[in-house]
PDB file of N, CA and C in Angstrom:
ATOM      1  N   MET A   1     -16.778  48.243  69.313  1.00  0.00           N
ATOM      2  CA  MET A   1     -17.023  46.786  68.993  1.00  0.00           C
ATOM      3  C   MET A   1     -17.761  47.297  67.535  1.00  0.00           C
ATOM      4  N   VAL A   2     -17.733  46.141  66.810  1.00  0.00           N
ATOM      5  CA  VAL A   2     -18.157  46.305  65.266  1.00  0.00           C
ATOM      6  C   VAL A   2     -19.696  46.192  65.424  1.00  0.00           C
ATOM      7  N   SER A   3     -20.426  47.260  64.380  1.00  0.00           N
ATOM      8  CA  SER A   3     -21.813  46.917  64.423  1.00  0.00           C
ATOM      9  C   SER A   3     -22.121  46.476  63.015  1.00  0.00           C
ATOM     10  N   ILE A   4     -23.477  45.892  62.932  1.00  0.00           N
ATOM     11  CA  ILE A   4     -23.806  45.437  61.861  1.00  0.00           C
ATOM     12  C   ILE A   4     -25.046  46.153  61.282  1.00  0.00           C
ATOM     13  N   GLU A   5     -25.037  46.378  60.090  1.00  0.00           N
ATOM     14  CA  GLU A   5     -26.310  46.717  59.410  1.00  0.00           C
ATOM     15  C   GLU A   5     -26.705  46.124  58.249  1.00  0.00           C
ATOM     16  N   TRP A   6     -27.912  45.886  58.151  1.00  0.00           N
ATOM     17  CA  TRP A   6     -28.411  45.072  57.097  1.00  0.00           C
ATOM     18  C   TRP A   6     -29.172  45.989  56.105  1.00  0.00           C
ATOM     19  N   THR A   7     -28.450  45.653  54.601  1.00  0.00           N
ATOM     20  CA  THR A   7     -29.195  46.494  53.585  1.00  0.00           C
ATOM     21  C   THR A   7     -30.514  46.213  53.286  1.00  0.00           C
ATOM     22  N   GLN A   8     -31.216  47.078  52.517  1.00  0.00           N
ATOM     23  CA  GLN A   8     -32.667  46.765  52.377  1.00  0.00           C
ATOM     24  C   GLN A   8     -32.698  45.527  51.470  1.00  0.00           C
ATOM     25  N   GLU A   9     -31.973  45.186  50.764  1.00  0.00           N
ATOM     26  CA  GLU A   9     -32.105  43.661  49.852  1.00  0.00           C
ATOM     27  C   GLU A   9     -31.542  42.685  50.735  1.00  0.00           C
ATOM     28  N   ALA A  10     -30.846  42.705  51.591  1.00  0.00           N
ATOM     29  CA  ALA A  10     -30.555  41.861  52.434  1.00  0.00           C
ATOM     30  C   ALA A  10     -31.738  41.385  53.121  1.00  0.00           C
ATOM     31  N   ASN A  11     -31.963  42.336  53.913  1.00  0.00           N
ATOM     32  CA  ASN A  11     -33.219  42.202  54.845  1.00  0.00           C
ATOM     33  C   ASN A  11     -34.602  41.672  53.951  1.00  0.00           C
ATOM     34  N   PHE A  12     -34.894  42.061  52.685  1.00  0.00           N
ATOM     35  CA  PHE A  12     -35.678  41.468  51.992  1.00  0.00           C
ATOM     36  C   PHE A  12     -35.582  39.868  51.524  1.00  0.00           C
ATOM     37  N   ASP A  13     -34.158  39.678  51.026  1.00  0.00           N
ATOM     38  CA  ASP A  13     -33.711  38.200  50.859  1.00  0.00           C
ATOM     39  C   ASP A  13     -33.904  37.477  52.015  1.00  0.00           C
ATOM     40  N   PHE A  14     -33.652  37.888  53.436  1.00  0.00           N
ATOM     41  CA  PHE A  14     -33.650  36.742  54.420  1.00  0.00           C
ATOM     42  C   PHE A  14     -35.193  36.704  54.770  1.00  0.00           C
ATOM     43  N   ASN A  15     -35.703  37.653  54.612  1.00  0.00           N
ATOM     44  CA  ASN A  15     -37.300  37.409  55.061  1.00  0.00           C
ATOM     45  C   ASN A  15     -38.179  36.799  54.025  1.00  0.00           C
ATOM     46  N   GLU A  16     -37.553  36.783  52.935  1.00  0.00           N
ATOM     47  CA  GLU A  16     -38.156  35.797  51.672  1.00  0.00           C
ATOM     48  C   GLU A  16     -37.698  34.121  51.970  1.00  0.00           C
ATOM     49  N   ILE A  17     -36.519  34.302  52.152  1.00  0.00           N
ATOM     50  CA  ILE A  17     -36.083  32.866  52.407  1.00  0.00           C
ATOM     51  C   ILE A  17     -36.960  31.991  53.704  1.00  0.00           C
ATOM     52  N   LEU A  18     -36.999  33.088  55.012  1.00  0.00           N
ATOM     53  CA  LEU A  18     -37.502  32.317  55.775  1.00  0.00           C
ATOM     54  C   LEU A  18     -39.083  32.107  55.679  1.00  0.00           C
ATOM     55  N   ALA A  19     -39.731  32.981  55.053  1.00  0.00           N
ATOM     56  CA  ALA A  19     -41.281  32.491  54.636  1.00  0.00           C
ATOM     57  C   ALA A  19     -41.408  31.311  53.877  1.00  0.00           C
ATOM     58  N   TYR A  20     -40.402  31.435  52.947  1.00  0.00           N
ATOM     59  CA  TYR A  20     -40.492  30.179  52.064  1.00  0.00           C
ATOM     60  C   TYR A  20     -40.348  28.778  52.671  1.00  0.00           C
ATOM     61  N   LEU A  21     -39.341  28.841  53.451  1.00  0.00           N
ATOM     62  CA  LEU A  21     -38.845  27.803  54.612  1.00  0.00           C
ATOM     63  C   LEU A  21     -39.971  27.510  55.391  1.00  0.00           C
ATOM     64  N   SER A  22     -40.604  28.511  55.693  1.00  0.00           N
ATOM     65  CA  SER A  22     -41.490  28.206  57.059  1.00  0.00           C
ATOM     66  C   SER A  22     -42.995  27.454  56.350  1.00  0.00           C
ATOM     67  N   ASN A  23     -43.133  27.620  55.060  1.00  0.00           N
ATOM     68  CA  ASN A  23     -44.100  26.788  54.641  1.00  0.00           C
ATOM     69  C   ASN A  23     -43.998  25.319  54.505  1.00  0.00           C
ATOM     70  N   ALA A  24     -42.634  24.797  54.304  1.00  0.00           N
ATOM     71  CA  ALA A  24     -42.269  23.582  54.434  1.00  0.00           C
ATOM     72  C   ALA A  24     -41.928  23.093  55.338  1.00  0.00           C
ATOM     73  N   SER A  25     -41.165  23.684  56.158  1.00  0.00           N
ATOM     74  CA  SER A  25     -40.611  23.278  57.562  1.00  0.00           C
ATOM     75  C   SER A  25     -40.247  24.453  58.515  1.00  0.00           C
ATOM     76  N   PRO A  26     -41.333  24.905  59.354  1.00  0.00           N
ATOM     77  CA  PRO A  26     -40.883  25.672  60.397  1.00  0.00           C
ATOM     78  C   PRO A  26     -39.853  25.658  61.364  1.00  0.00           C
ATOM     79  N   GLN A  27     -39.378  24.452  61.403  1.00  0.00           N
ATOM     80  CA  GLN A  27     -38.301  24.066  62.201  1.00  0.00           C
ATOM     81  C   GLN A  27     -37.070  24.378  61.506  1.00  0.00           C
ATOM     82  N   TYR A  28     -36.953  23.966  60.261  1.00  0.00           N
ATOM     83  CA  TYR A  28     -35.592  24.280  59.301  1.00  0.00           C
ATOM     84  C   TYR A  28     -35.566  25.843  59.268  1.00  0.00           C
ATOM     85  N   ALA A  29     -36.725  26.654  59.186  1.00  0.00           N
ATOM     86  CA  ALA A  29     -36.590  28.169  58.855  1.00  0.00           C
ATOM     87  C   ALA A  29     -36.097  28.612  60.230  1.00  0.00           C
ATOM     88  N   HIS A  30     -36.689  28.047  61.429  1.00  0.00           N
ATOM     89  CA  HIS A  30     -36.064  28.636  62.784  1.00  0.00           C
ATOM     90  C   HIS A  30     -34.825  28.373  62.926  1.00  0.00           C
ATOM     91  N   ALA A  31     -34.078  27.013  62.448  1.00  0.00           N
ATOM     92  CA  ALA A  31     -32.677  26.545  62.775  1.00  0.00           C
ATOM     93  C   ALA A  31     -32.075  27.666  61.941  1.00  0.00           C
ATOM     94  N   LEU A  32     -32.621  28.031  60.607  1.00  0.00           N
ATOM     95  CA  LEU A  32     -31.664  28.795  59.620  1.00  0.00           C
ATOM     96  C   LEU A  32     -31.544  30.208  60.231  1.00  0.00           C
ATOM     97  N   PHE A  33     -32.795  30.454  61.031  1.00  0.00           N
ATOM     98  CA  PHE A  33     -32.673  32.172  61.613  1.00  0.00           C
ATOM     99  C   PHE A  33     -31.567  32.136  62.622  1.00  0.00           C
ATOM    100  N   GLU A  34     -31.571  30.980  63.482  1.00  0.00           N
ATOM    101  CA  GLU A  34     -30.562  30.968  64.708  1.00  0.00           C
ATOM    102  C   GLU A  34     -29.288  30.765  64.328  1.00  0.00           C
ATOM    103  N   LYS A  35     -28.871  30.049  63.089  1.00  0.00           N
ATOM    104  CA  LYS A  35     -27.594  29.875  62.721  1.00  0.00           C
ATOM    105  C   LYS A  35     -27.143  31.266  62.203  1.00  0.00           C
ATOM    106  N   VAL A  36     -27.705  31.976  61.473  1.00  0.00           N
ATOM    107  CA  VAL A  36     -27.664  33.453  60.813  1.00  0.00           C
ATOM    108  C   VAL A  36     -27.267  34.431  62.030  1.00  0.00           C
ATOM    109  N   LYS A  37     -28.167  34.121  62.839  1.00  0.00           N
ATOM    110  CA  LYS A  37     -27.938  35.097  64.277  1.00  0.00           C
ATOM    111  C   LYS A  37     -26.429  34.679  64.977  1.00  0.00           C
ATOM    112  N   ASP A  38     -26.307  33.598  65.215  1.00  0.00           N
ATOM    113  CA  ASP A  38     -24.854  33.165  65.667  1.00  0.00           C
ATOM    114  C   ASP A  38     -23.934  33.284  65.039  1.00  0.00           C
ATOM    115  N   ALA A  39     -23.944  33.407  63.620  1.00  0.00           N
ATOM    116  CA  ALA A  39     -22.829  33.716  62.770  1.00  0.00           C
ATOM    117  C   ALA A  39     -22.748  35.199  62.873  1.00  0.00           C
ATOM    118  N   LEU A  40     -23.642  36.146  62.714  1.00  0.00           N
ATOM    119  CA  LEU A  40     -23.605  37.600  63.146  1.00  0.00           C
ATOM    120  C   LEU A  40     -23.017  38.054  64.593  1.00  0.00           C
ATOM    121  N   VAL A  41     -23.203  37.090  65.430  1.00  0.00           N
ATOM    122  CA  VAL A  41     -22.373  37.081  66.935  1.00  0.00           C
ATOM    123  C   VAL A  41     -20.981  37.289  66.512  1.00  0.00           C
ATOM    124  N   ASN A  42     -20.509  35.984  65.640  1.00  0.00           N
ATOM    125  CA  ASN A  42     -19.131  35.935  65.655  1.00  0.00           C
ATOM    126  C   ASN A  42     -18.405  37.112  65.007  1.00  0.00           C
ATOM    127  N   LEU A  43     -19.394  37.267  63.701  1.00  0.00           N
ATOM    128  CA  LEU A  43     -18.835  38.402  63.142  1.00  0.00           C
ATOM    129  C   LEU A  43     -18.507  39.682  63.835  1.00  0.00           C
ATOM    130  N   LYS A  44     -19.143  39.994  64.650  1.00  0.00           N
ATOM    131  CA  LYS A  44     -19.244  41.120  65.428  1.00  0.00           C
ATOM    132  C   LYS A  44     -17.588  41.108  66.084  1.00  0.00           C
ATOM    133  N   LYS A  45     -17.064  39.618  66.660  1.00  0.00           N
ATOM    134  CA  LYS A  45     -16.008  39.764  67.347  1.00  0.00           C
ATOM    135  C   LYS A  45     -14.770  39.286  66.115  1.00  0.00           C
ATOM    136  N   PHE A  46     -15.165  38.783  65.105  1.00  0.00           N
ATOM    137  CA  PHE A  46     -14.068  38.494  64.101  1.00  0.00           C
ATOM    138  C   PHE A  46     -14.659  38.870  62.971  1.00  0.00           C
ATOM    139  N   PRO A  47     -14.680  40.067  62.407  1.00  0.00           N
ATOM    140  CA  PRO A  47     -15.476  40.860  61.175  1.00  0.00           C
ATOM    141  C   PRO A  47     -14.565  40.035  60.043  1.00  0.00           C
ATOM    142  N   LYS A  48     -13.297  39.789  59.974  1.00  0.00           N
ATOM    143  CA  LYS A  48     -12.810  39.044  58.813  1.00  0.00           C
ATOM    144  C   LYS A  48     -12.659  37.532  58.823  1.00  0.00           C
ATOM    145  N   LEU A  49     -13.898  37.007  59.458  1.00  0.00           N
ATOM    146  CA  LEU A  49     -13.842  35.710  59.369  1.00  0.00           C
ATOM    147  C   LEU A  49     -14.500  34.927  58.079  1.00  0.00           C
ATOM    148  N   GLY A  50     -15.095  35.655  57.484  1.00  0.00           N
ATOM    149  CA  GLY A  50     -15.476  34.828  56.158  1.00  0.00           C
ATOM    150  C   GLY A  50     -14.464  35.083  55.015  1.00  0.00           C
ATOM    151  N   ARG A  51     -14.730  34.167  53.961  1.00  0.00           N
ATOM    152  CA  ARG A  51     -13.652  34.028  52.938  1.00  0.00           C
ATOM    153  C   ARG A  51     -14.197  35.336  51.906  1.00  0.00           C
ATOM    154  N   LYS A  52     -13.169  35.779  51.091  1.00  0.00           N
ATOM    155  CA  LYS A  52     -13.329  36.680  50.063  1.00  0.00           C
ATOM    156  C   LYS A  52     -14.249  36.279  49.199  1.00  0.00           C
ATOM    157  N   VAL A  53     -15.297  37.224  48.600  1.00  0.00           N
ATOM    158  CA  VAL A  53     -16.201  36.579  47.721  1.00  0.00           C
ATOM    159  C   VAL A  53     -15.615  36.616  46.326  1.00  0.00           C
ATOM    160  N   PRO A  54     -15.343  35.437  45.718  1.00  0.00           N
ATOM    161  CA  PRO A  54     -14.576  35.461  44.406  1.00  0.00           C
ATOM    162  C   PRO A  54     -15.331  36.232  43.391  1.00  0.00           C
ATOM    163  N   GLU A  55     -16.512  36.339  43.318  1.00  0.00           N
ATOM    164  CA  GLU A  55     -17.322  37.068  42.184  1.00  0.00           C
ATOM    165  C   GLU A  55     -17.079  38.718  42.156  1.00  0.00           C
ATOM    166  N   SER A  56     -16.451  38.955  43.446  1.00  0.00           N
ATOM    167  CA  SER A  56     -16.236  40.497  43.854  1.00  0.00           C
ATOM    168  C   SER A  56     -14.854  41.009  43.679  1.00  0.00           C
ATOM    169  N   ASP A  57     -14.649  42.166  43.382  1.00  0.00           N
ATOM    170  CA  ASP A  57     -13.253  42.744  43.190  1.00  0.00           C
ATOM    171  C   ASP A  57     -13.166  43.635  44.485  1.00  0.00           C
ATOM    172  N   ASN A  58     -14.001  43.719  45.306  1.00  0.00           N
ATOM    173  CA  ASN A  58     -13.940  44.396  46.293  1.00  0.00           C
ATOM    174  C   ASN A  58     -13.292  43.821  47.716  1.00  0.00           C
ATOM    175  N   GLU A  59     -11.995  43.991  48.109  1.00  0.00           N
ATOM    176  CA  GLU A  59     -11.048  43.104  49.169  1.00  0.00           C
ATOM    177  C   GLU A  59     -11.990  43.040  50.594  1.00  0.00           C
ATOM    178  N   ASN A  60     -13.054  44.169  50.625  1.00  0.00           N
ATOM    179  CA  ASN A  60     -13.744  43.916  52.056  1.00  0.00           C
ATOM    180  C   ASN A  60     -14.983  43.140  51.691  1.00  0.00           C
ATOM    181  N   ASP A  61     -15.325  42.681  50.613  1.00  0.00           N
ATOM    182  CA  ASP A  61     -16.583  41.687  50.606  1.00  0.00           C
ATOM    183  C   ASP A  61     -16.094  40.305  51.072  1.00  0.00           C
ATOM    184  N   ARG A  62     -17.093  39.866  51.975  1.00  0.00           N
ATOM    185  CA  ARG A  62     -16.575  38.603  52.229  1.00  0.00           C
ATOM    186  C   ARG A  62     -18.063  37.689  52.468  1.00  0.00           C
ATOM    187  N   GLU A  63     -17.922  36.523  52.872  1.00  0.00           N
ATOM    188  CA  GLU A  63     -19.021  35.595  52.863  1.00  0.00           C
ATOM    189  C   GLU A  63     -18.926  34.534  53.927  1.00  0.00           C
ATOM    190  N   LEU A  64     -19.941  34.337  54.387  1.00  0.00           N
ATOM    191  CA  LEU A  64     -20.036  33.231  55.351  1.00  0.00           C
ATOM    192  C   LEU A  64     -21.233  31.979  54.461  1.00  0.00           C
ATOM    193  N   ILE A  65     -20.691  30.840  54.618  1.00  0.00           N
ATOM    194  CA  ILE A  65     -21.909  29.915  54.066  1.00  0.00           C
ATOM    195  C   ILE A  65     -22.428  29.228  55.345  1.00  0.00           C
ATOM    196  N   ILE A  66     -23.769  29.369  55.468  1.00  0.00           N
ATOM    197  CA  ILE A  66     -24.713  28.792  56.485  1.00  0.00           C
ATOM    198  C   ILE A  66     -25.718  28.046  55.934  1.00  0.00           C
ATOM    199  N   GLN A  67     -25.511  26.715  56.202  1.00  0.00           N
ATOM    200  CA  GLN A  67     -26.441  25.760  55.497  1.00  0.00           C
ATOM    201  C   GLN A  67     -26.221  25.803  54.127  1.00  0.00           C
ATOM    202  N   LYS A  68     -27.160  26.086  53.202  1.00  0.00           N
ATOM    203  CA  LYS A  68     -27.123  26.195  51.774  1.00  0.00           C
ATOM    204  C   LYS A  68     -26.883  27.726  51.325  1.00  0.00           C
ATOM    205  N   TYR A  69     -26.802  28.528  52.064  1.00  0.00           N
ATOM    206  CA  TYR A  69     -26.923  29.867  51.737  1.00  0.00           C
ATOM    207  C   TYR A  69     -25.766  30.558  51.826  1.00  0.00           C
ATOM    208  N   ARG A  70     -25.340  31.571  51.047  1.00  0.00           N
ATOM    209  CA  ARG A  70     -24.274  32.572  51.092  1.00  0.00           C
ATOM    210  C   ARG A  70     -24.708  33.888  51.676  1.00  0.00           C
ATOM    211  N   LEU A  71     -24.272  34.285  52.998  1.00  0.00           N
ATOM    212  CA  LEU A  71     -24.300  35.129  53.517  1.00  0.00           C
ATOM    213  C   LEU A  71     -23.195  36.215  53.072  1.00  0.00           C
ATOM    214  N   ILE A  72     -23.391  37.376  52.278  1.00  0.00           N
ATOM    215  CA  ILE A  72     -22.548  38.333  51.697  1.00  0.00           C
ATOM    216  C   ILE A  72     -22.419  39.649  52.487  1.00  0.00           C
ATOM    217  N   TYR A  73     -21.395  40.105  52.929  1.00  0.00           N
ATOM    218  CA  TYR A  73     -21.220  41.204  53.597  1.00  0.00           C
ATOM    219  C   TYR A  73     -19.996  42.048  53.296  1.00  0.00           C
ATOM    220  N   ARG A  74     -19.676  43.319  53.922  1.00  0.00           N
ATOM    221  CA  ARG A  74     -18.749  44.149  53.597  1.00  0.00           C
ATOM    222  C   ARG A  74     -18.322  44.726  54.936  1.00  0.00           C
ATOM    223  N   PHE A  75     -17.006  44.406  55.206  1.00  0.00           N
ATOM    224  CA  PHE A  75     -16.533  44.981  56.443  1.00  0.00           C
ATOM    225  C   PHE A  75     -15.914  46.271  55.980  1.00  0.00           C
ATOM    226  N   VAL A  76     -16.332  47.414  56.668  1.00  0.00           N
ATOM    227  CA  VAL A  76     -15.544  48.467  56.539  1.00  0.00           C
ATOM    228  C   VAL A  76     -14.927  49.052  57.843  1.00  0.00           C
ATOM    229  N   GLU A  77     -13.514  48.657  57.882  1.00  0.00           N
ATOM    230  CA  GLU A  77     -12.814  48.747  58.810  1.00  0.00           C
ATOM    231  C   GLU A  77     -12.782  50.218  59.710  1.00  0.00           C
ATOM    232  N   ASP A  78     -12.639  51.121  58.938  1.00  0.00           N
ATOM    233  CA  ASP A  78     -12.277  52.680  59.572  1.00  0.00           C
ATOM    234  C   ASP A  78     -13.499  52.987  60.169  1.00  0.00           C
ATOM    235  N   VAL A  79     -14.807  52.258  59.901  1.00  0.00           N
ATOM    236  CA  VAL A  79     -15.863  52.821  60.660  1.00  0.00           C
ATOM    237  C   VAL A  79     -16.503  51.724  61.591  1.00  0.00           C
ATOM    238  N   ASP A  80     -15.892  50.432  61.582  1.00  0.00           N
ATOM    239  CA  ASP A  80     -15.889  49.415  62.243  1.00  0.00           C
ATOM    240  C   ASP A  80     -17.505  48.723  62.195  1.00  0.00           C
ATOM    241  N   LYS A  81     -17.884  48.714  60.751  1.00  0.00           N
ATOM    242  CA  LYS A  81     -19.082  48.362  60.608  1.00  0.00           C
ATOM    243  C   LYS A  81     -19.063  47.369  59.497  1.00  0.00           C
ATOM    244  N   ILE A  82     -20.025  46.359  59.600  1.00  0.00           N
ATOM    245  CA  ILE A  82     -20.464  45.292  58.791  1.00  0.00           C
ATOM    246  C   ILE A  82     -21.606  45.379  57.932  1.00  0.00           C
ATOM    247  N   PHE A  83     -21.761  45.749  56.861  1.00  0.00           N
ATOM    248  CA  PHE A  83     -22.991  45.763  56.140  1.00  0.00           C
ATOM    249  C   PHE A  83     -23.196  44.185  55.394  1.00  0.00           C
ATOM    250  N   VAL A  84     -24.379  43.824  55.770  1.00  0.00           N
ATOM    251  CA  VAL A  84     -25.073  42.735  55.249  1.00  0.00           C
ATOM    252  C   VAL A  84     -25.617  43.015  53.725  1.00  0.00           C
ATOM    253  N   LEU A  85     -24.832  42.436  52.828  1.00  0.00           N
ATOM    254  CA  LEU A  85     -25.414  43.079  51.521  1.00  0.00           C
ATOM    255  C   LEU A  85     -26.453  42.000  51.026  1.00  0.00           C
ATOM    256  N   MET A  86     -26.375  40.871  51.008  1.00  0.00           N
ATOM    257  CA  MET A  86     -27.272  39.703  50.496  1.00  0.00           C
ATOM    258  C   MET A  86     -27.101  38.614  51.102  1.00  0.00           C
ATOM    259  N   ILE A  87     -28.276  37.816  51.131  1.00  0.00           N
ATOM    260  CA  ILE A  87     -28.056  36.223  51.496  1.00  0.00           C
ATOM    261  C   ILE A  87     -29.022  35.661  50.614  1.00  0.00           C
ATOM    262  N   ILE A  88     -28.302  34.769  49.775  1.00  0.00           N
ATOM    263  CA  ILE A  88     -28.764  34.222  48.719  1.00  0.00           C
ATOM    264  C   ILE A  88     -28.495  32.470  48.827  1.00  0.00           C
ATOM    265  N   HIS A  89     -29.213  31.712  48.086  1.00  0.00           N
ATOM    266  CA  HIS A  89     -29.032  30.278  48.206  1.00  0.00           C
ATOM    267  C   HIS A  89     -27.790  29.904  47.255  1.00  0.00           C
ATOM    268  N   GLY A  90     -26.759  29.209  47.671  1.00  0.00           N
ATOM    269  CA  GLY A  90     -25.825  28.823  47.139  1.00  0.00           C
ATOM    270  C   GLY A  90     -25.964  28.449  45.661  1.00  0.00           C
ATOM    271  N   SER A  91     -26.650  28.182  45.237  1.00  0.00           N
ATOM    272  CA  SER A  91     -26.998  27.577  43.469  1.00  0.00           C
ATOM    273  C   SER A  91     -27.277  28.950  42.697  1.00  0.00           C
ATOM    274  N   ARG A  92     -27.574  29.899  43.278  1.00  0.00           N
ATOM    275  CA  ARG A  92     -27.845  31.317  42.440  1.00  0.00           C
ATOM    276  C   ARG A  92     -26.755  31.780  42.102  1.00  0.00           C
ATOM    277  N   ILE A  93     -26.807  32.447  40.934  1.00  0.00           N
ATOM    278  CA  ILE A  93     -25.404  32.813  40.412  1.00  0.00           C
ATOM    279  C   ILE A  93     -25.597  34.294  41.251  1.00  0.00           C
ATOM    280  N   LEU A  94     -24.251  34.947  41.511  1.00  0.00           N
ATOM    281  CA  LEU A  94     -24.218  36.320  42.097  1.00  0.00           C
ATOM    282  C   LEU A  94     -23.500  37.239  41.190  1.00  0.00           C
ATOM    283  N   ASN A  95     -24.574  38.301  41.079  1.00  0.00           N
ATOM    284  CA  ASN A  95     -24.267  39.607  40.301  1.00  0.00           C
ATOM    285  C   ASN A  95     -23.784  40.672  41.232  1.00  0.00           C
ATOM    286  N   PHE A  96     -22.663  41.132  41.082  1.00  0.00           N
ATOM    287  CA  PHE A  96     -22.217  42.307  41.691  1.00  0.00           C
ATOM    288  C   PHE A  96     -22.212  43.611  40.664  1.00  0.00           C
TER     289      PHE A  96
END
């Protein structure tokens, strides 16, 4: 089965997003957390579920849109591992 590993940047991004949202709406922050958790469960089963990241030249870089956020990940098929690279607001410019 595919395993999932969060990069330090992705972990930091997600914690910052949740902290920010919790100040305004703890319910919204919790809902986002649950949706991301559910998306990762689906990715374990279907690692190529997301679309290719348009800004990346790497064929293995994919993304899922979750509410207003882009969860960017890389699927490394030969080791059956997904690396969550970052999670950013959809309005932010992505730099690879």
